[in-house]
Structure formats: C-alpha cells, structure tokens
Amino acid sequence: MITIKPSAVIREILFREGICQRDHLQPWWCCRVKLPDGIGTVDNLIAIADRDDVLTDRYISDGNYVLDPHIQIVVRGVGLEDSYTKMKQITDFLDPLQDYGITIAAVPLLYDEATFNIVGTKRTTNIQFNGADQTGRRYIHTIEYDIVMT
C-alpha cells in the first residue's frame, strides 16, 4: 500500500496553481522533506515537509475520516525581497484555502488515484525569517500550517 503524504498533496496543489515548478532546473522548483544544495541545484526553491503536531485525526458524523496533518514550508531565495515575496504568495493562497478538491496518483501511471478535499488550512506560525544560508546571498523563510482534509 502506498501512502500519499500531506506534503505531496499541498505540493501538487501549488504546482497546479502555478506557484512553484515541477522541473528541478527551474527557479521556484518545489521539493519535499529538505532543501537540496550543491552544484546543479537552483538557488530559488521551496521545500514542504510533513511535521508532527498536537492535533489528532478524527471521524466526523457523516462517516468521513478527517485528517489534521501539519506541514512546514521553507522558501529559499536569492535576495531578501524575492524570498519573502514568494513566501507571501504561498500564504496569500493557502490562508483562505477552503473546499479544494484534488485527485492525484501515489506514483503517476503506476497506482490508482486518490481524491482529497482540503477542508481548510490554519496557519500555526507567522512567516519566520531564518536569515541567510552559508552562501550569504540566499535568504530563508519558513511557515507552518495545519491542513484539514478528508
């Protein structure tokens, strides 16, 4: 059985909305788990990681199972303004997000699709400025969300 992580669902939504890129050679490529670095890696990129939180999942009265996962989004960009602007674009989209349906495959072309409904999002931190990375020219911002989905 293949599990589709909440970070993969949110990443797919950001792809479809044009907020980030699928191509790892393009600026604002979006990856999962950690920020890659080194030769051949773009400077401006986004990472989404699944995180643990205090809330637990629950059944609701109509029989659906509601998931309350927690994610962290990290934006790394050349220039303080570009990094913050990209993070603001993400928050401007995710903050009011409600009743967004999406169907994705666990592994494209190999497994059945799964349909999710993002009931809503709840920002659990403000945009955090984490300073410059070791290059001194790329700035990092982070934010965290609870995602309510069925």
C-alpha atoms as a PDB file:
ATOM      1  CA  MET A   1       0.000   0.000   0.000  1.00  0.00           C
ATOM      2  CA  ILE A   2       1.299   3.444  -0.957  1.00  0.00           C
ATOM      3  CA  THR A   3       0.664   6.378   1.381  1.00  0.00           C
ATOM      4  CA  ILE A   4       0.291   9.845  -0.062  1.00  0.00           C
ATOM      5  CA  LYS A   5       1.738  12.307   2.432  1.00  0.00           C
ATOM      6  CA  PRO A   6       0.055  15.682   3.113  1.00  0.00           C
ATOM      7  CA  SER A   7       3.203  17.429   1.854  1.00  0.00           C
ATOM      8  CA  ALA A   8       2.702  15.706  -1.518  1.00  0.00           C
ATOM      9  CA  VAL A   9      -0.920  16.871  -1.675  1.00  0.00           C
ATOM     10  CA  ILE A  10      -0.042  20.503  -0.911  1.00  0.00           C
ATOM     11  CA  ARG A  11       2.903  20.364  -3.323  1.00  0.00           C
ATOM     12  CA  GLU A  12       0.610  19.143  -6.103  1.00  0.00           C
ATOM     13  CA  ILE A  13      -1.832  21.970  -5.383  1.00  0.00           C
ATOM     14  CA  LEU A  14       0.996  24.539  -5.568  1.00  0.00           C
ATOM     15  CA  PHE A  15       2.093  23.020  -8.895  1.00  0.00           C
ATOM     16  CA  ARG A  16      -1.408  23.245 -10.324  1.00  0.00           C
ATOM     17  CA  GLU A  17      -1.835  26.844  -9.168  1.00  0.00           C
ATOM     18  CA  GLY A  18       1.453  27.874 -10.820  1.00  0.00           C
ATOM     19  CA  ILE A  19       3.065  28.931  -7.537  1.00  0.00           C
ATOM     20  CA  CYS A  20       6.005  26.561  -7.956  1.00  0.00           C
ATOM     21  CA  GLN A  21       7.629  24.441 -10.670  1.00  0.00           C
ATOM     22  CA  ARG A  22       7.847  20.693 -11.271  1.00  0.00           C
ATOM     23  CA  ASP A  23      11.161  20.988 -13.129  1.00  0.00           C
ATOM     24  CA  HIS A  24      14.115  20.844 -10.719  1.00  0.00           C
ATOM     25  CA  LEU A  25      16.158  23.002 -13.090  1.00  0.00           C
ATOM     26  CA  GLN A  26      13.707  25.912 -12.962  1.00  0.00           C
ATOM     27  CA  PRO A  27      13.503  28.687 -10.342  1.00  0.00           C
ATOM     28  CA  TRP A  28      10.941  28.015  -7.611  1.00  0.00           C
ATOM     29  CA  TRP A  29      11.125  24.274  -8.017  1.00  0.00           C
ATOM     30  CA  CYS A  30       9.259  22.574  -5.166  1.00  0.00           C
ATOM     31  CA  CYS A  31      10.686  19.536  -3.410  1.00  0.00           C
ATOM     32  CA  ARG A  32       9.725  17.618  -0.295  1.00  0.00           C
ATOM     33  CA  VAL A  33      11.434  16.953   3.024  1.00  0.00           C
ATOM     34  CA  LYS A  34      14.639  19.019   2.766  1.00  0.00           C
ATOM     35  CA  LEU A  35      16.304  21.755   0.758  1.00  0.00           C
ATOM     36  CA  PRO A  36      18.839  20.282  -1.648  1.00  0.00           C
ATOM     37  CA  ASP A  37      22.055  22.178  -2.216  1.00  0.00           C
ATOM     38  CA  GLY A  38      25.198  21.890  -4.271  1.00  0.00           C
ATOM     39  CA  ILE A  39      26.290  22.006  -7.876  1.00  0.00           C
ATOM     40  CA  GLY A  40      23.361  21.884 -10.293  1.00  0.00           C
ATOM     41  CA  THR A  41      20.749  22.901  -7.719  1.00  0.00           C
ATOM     42  CA  VAL A  42      18.702  26.040  -8.337  1.00  0.00           C
ATOM     43  CA  ASP A  43      19.019  28.786  -5.736  1.00  0.00           C
ATOM     44  CA  ASN A  44      15.341  29.763  -5.563  1.00  0.00           C
ATOM     45  CA  LEU A  45      13.335  26.823  -4.321  1.00  0.00           C
ATOM     46  CA  ILE A  46      10.593  25.646  -1.988  1.00  0.00           C
ATOM     47  CA  ALA A  47      10.501  22.601   0.294  1.00  0.00           C
ATOM     48  CA  ILE A  48       7.463  21.141   2.046  1.00  0.00           C
ATOM     49  CA  ALA A  49       7.917  18.755   4.966  1.00  0.00           C
ATOM     50  CA  ASP A  50       5.422  16.725   6.970  1.00  0.00           C
ATOM     51  CA  ARG A  51       5.582  17.600  10.649  1.00  0.00           C
ATOM     52  CA  ASP A  52       4.039  16.215  13.810  1.00  0.00           C
ATOM     53  CA  ASP A  53       1.557  18.337  15.709  1.00  0.00           C
ATOM     54  CA  VAL A  54      -0.606  18.078  18.799  1.00  0.00           C
ATOM     55  CA  LEU A  55      -3.909  17.584  16.979  1.00  0.00           C
ATOM     56  CA  THR A  56      -5.119  14.121  16.065  1.00  0.00           C
ATOM     57  CA  ASP A  57      -7.284  12.860  13.244  1.00  0.00           C
ATOM     58  CA  ARG A  58     -10.956  12.091  13.816  1.00  0.00           C
ATOM     59  CA  TYR A  59     -14.138  10.650  12.331  1.00  0.00           C
ATOM     60  CA  ILE A  60     -16.959  13.083  11.593  1.00  0.00           C
ATOM     61  CA  SER A  61     -20.691  12.408  11.714  1.00  0.00           C
ATOM     62  CA  ASP A  62     -21.095  11.640   8.005  1.00  0.00           C
ATOM     63  CA  GLY A  63     -18.591   8.775   8.243  1.00  0.00           C
ATOM     64  CA  ASN A  64     -15.641  10.550   6.624  1.00  0.00           C
ATOM     65  CA  TYR A  65     -12.272  10.472   8.304  1.00  0.00           C
ATOM     66  CA  VAL A  66     -10.780  13.931   8.778  1.00  0.00           C
ATOM     67  CA  LEU A  67      -7.021  14.262   8.753  1.00  0.00           C
ATOM     68  CA  ASP A  68      -5.348  17.161  10.561  1.00  0.00           C
ATOM     69  CA  PRO A  69      -1.752  16.906   9.357  1.00  0.00           C
ATOM     70  CA  HIS A  70       0.846  19.572   9.994  1.00  0.00           C
ATOM     71  CA  ILE A  71       3.316  20.803   7.379  1.00  0.00           C
ATOM     72  CA  GLN A  72       6.245  23.181   7.252  1.00  0.00           C
ATOM     73  CA  ILE A  73       7.036  25.200   4.128  1.00  0.00           C
ATOM     74  CA  VAL A  74      10.559  26.506   3.575  1.00  0.00           C
ATOM     75  CA  VAL A  75      11.376  29.100   0.914  1.00  0.00           C
ATOM     76  CA  ARG A  76      14.976  29.812  -0.076  1.00  0.00           C
ATOM     77  CA  GLY A  77      15.596  32.666  -2.470  1.00  0.00           C
ATOM     78  CA  VAL A  78      18.360  34.910  -3.728  1.00  0.00           C
ATOM     79  CA  GLY A  79      17.603  38.315  -2.295  1.00  0.00           C
ATOM     80  CA  LEU A  80      15.599  39.030   0.805  1.00  0.00           C
ATOM     81  CA  GLU A  81      12.703  40.570  -1.091  1.00  0.00           C
ATOM     82  CA  ASP A  82      12.374  37.684  -3.572  1.00  0.00           C
ATOM     83  CA  SER A  83      12.347  35.094  -0.789  1.00  0.00           C
ATOM     84  CA  TYR A  84       9.737  36.980   1.229  1.00  0.00           C
ATOM     85  CA  THR A  85       7.608  37.731  -1.848  1.00  0.00           C
ATOM     86  CA  LYS A  86       7.441  34.037  -2.776  1.00  0.00           C
ATOM     87  CA  MET A  87       6.512  33.086   0.796  1.00  0.00           C
ATOM     88  CA  LYS A  88       3.815  35.782   0.787  1.00  0.00           C
ATOM     89  CA  GLN A  89       2.444  34.389  -2.489  1.00  0.00           C
ATOM     90  CA  ILE A  90       2.157  30.969  -0.825  1.00  0.00           C
ATOM     91  CA  THR A  91       0.453  32.326   2.312  1.00  0.00           C
ATOM     92  CA  ASP A  92      -1.908  34.504   0.276  1.00  0.00           C
ATOM     93  CA  PHE A  93      -3.057  31.321  -1.462  1.00  0.00           C
ATOM     94  CA  LEU A  94      -3.081  28.886   1.492  1.00  0.00           C
ATOM     95  CA  ASP A  95      -4.574  31.149   4.187  1.00  0.00           C
ATOM     96  CA  PRO A  96      -8.079  31.376   2.650  1.00  0.00           C
ATOM     97  CA  LEU A  97      -7.995  27.912   1.010  1.00  0.00           C
ATOM     98  CA  GLN A  98     -11.266  26.035   1.578  1.00  0.00           C
ATOM     99  CA  ASP A  99     -13.044  23.113  -0.065  1.00  0.00           C
ATOM    100  CA  TYR A 100     -10.317  22.475  -2.619  1.00  0.00           C
ATOM    101  CA  GLY A 101     -10.685  19.065  -4.233  1.00  0.00           C
ATOM    102  CA  ILE A 102      -7.712  17.348  -5.823  1.00  0.00           C
ATOM    103  CA  THR A 103      -7.079  13.922  -7.301  1.00  0.00           C
ATOM    104  CA  ILE A 104      -3.512  12.667  -7.510  1.00  0.00           C
ATOM    105  CA  ALA A 105      -1.739   9.360  -8.050  1.00  0.00           C
ATOM    106  CA  ALA A 106       0.611   7.977  -5.418  1.00  0.00           C
ATOM    107  CA  VAL A 107       3.102   7.172  -8.165  1.00  0.00           C
ATOM    108  CA  PRO A 108       1.962   8.590 -11.519  1.00  0.00           C
ATOM    109  CA  LEU A 109       0.960   5.926 -14.063  1.00  0.00           C
ATOM    110  CA  LEU A 110       1.619   3.060 -11.629  1.00  0.00           C
ATOM    111  CA  TYR A 111      -1.019   3.267  -8.901  1.00  0.00           C
ATOM    112  CA  ASP A 112      -4.642   4.214  -8.563  1.00  0.00           C
ATOM    113  CA  GLU A 113      -5.526   7.813  -7.906  1.00  0.00           C
ATOM    114  CA  ALA A 114      -6.666   9.170  -4.561  1.00  0.00           C
ATOM    115  CA  THR A 115      -9.010  12.098  -4.116  1.00  0.00           C
ATOM    116  CA  PHE A 116      -8.601  14.571  -1.271  1.00  0.00           C
ATOM    117  CA  ASN A 117     -10.635  17.545  -0.157  1.00  0.00           C
ATOM    118  CA  ILE A 118      -8.785  20.307   1.616  1.00  0.00           C
ATOM    119  CA  VAL A 119     -11.479  21.485   4.028  1.00  0.00           C
ATOM    120  CA  GLY A 120      -9.308  24.359   5.202  1.00  0.00           C
ATOM    121  CA  THR A 121      -5.933  25.475   6.431  1.00  0.00           C
ATOM    122  CA  LYS A 122      -4.811  27.057   9.674  1.00  0.00           C
ATOM    123  CA  ARG A 123      -1.563  28.928   9.884  1.00  0.00           C
ATOM    124  CA  THR A 124       0.198  27.974  13.119  1.00  0.00           C
ATOM    125  CA  THR A 125       3.144  30.375  12.808  1.00  0.00           C
ATOM    126  CA  ASN A 126       3.744  33.723  11.215  1.00  0.00           C
ATOM    127  CA  ILE A 127       6.257  33.960   8.393  1.00  0.00           C
ATOM    128  CA  GLN A 128       9.598  33.352  10.086  1.00  0.00           C
ATOM    129  CA  PHE A 129      12.785  34.894   8.733  1.00  0.00           C
ATOM    130  CA  ASN A 130      15.582  32.397   9.311  1.00  0.00           C
ATOM    131  CA  GLY A 131      18.422  34.534   7.982  1.00  0.00           C
ATOM    132  CA  ALA A 132      20.838  33.881   5.166  1.00  0.00           C
ATOM    133  CA  ASP A 133      22.298  30.475   4.412  1.00  0.00           C
ATOM    134  CA  GLN A 134      26.023  29.761   4.266  1.00  0.00           C
ATOM    135  CA  THR A 135      26.359  31.498   0.886  1.00  0.00           C
ATOM    136  CA  GLY A 136      25.247  34.797   2.409  1.00  0.00           C
ATOM    137  CA  ARG A 137      23.110  35.609  -0.638  1.00  0.00           C
ATOM    138  CA  ARG A 138      20.159  33.225  -0.255  1.00  0.00           C
ATOM    139  CA  TYR A 139      17.556  34.003   2.384  1.00  0.00           C
ATOM    140  CA  ILE A 140      15.294  31.506   4.105  1.00  0.00           C
ATOM    141  CA  HIS A 141      11.716  31.957   5.305  1.00  0.00           C
ATOM    142  CA  THR A 142       9.522  29.307   6.928  1.00  0.00           C
ATOM    143  CA  ILE A 143       5.881  28.915   7.873  1.00  0.00           C
ATOM    144  CA  GLU A 144       3.775  26.109   9.310  1.00  0.00           C
ATOM    145  CA  TYR A 145       0.173  25.058   8.735  1.00  0.00           C
ATOM    146  CA  ASP A 146      -2.378  22.603   9.990  1.00  0.00           C
ATOM    147  CA  ILE A 147      -4.190  21.165   6.983  1.00  0.00           C
ATOM    148  CA  VAL A 148      -7.730  19.863   7.495  1.00  0.00           C
ATOM    149  CA  MET A 149      -8.503  17.328   4.788  1.00  0.00           C
ATOM    150  CA  THR A 150     -10.797  14.413   4.062  1.00  0.00           C
END
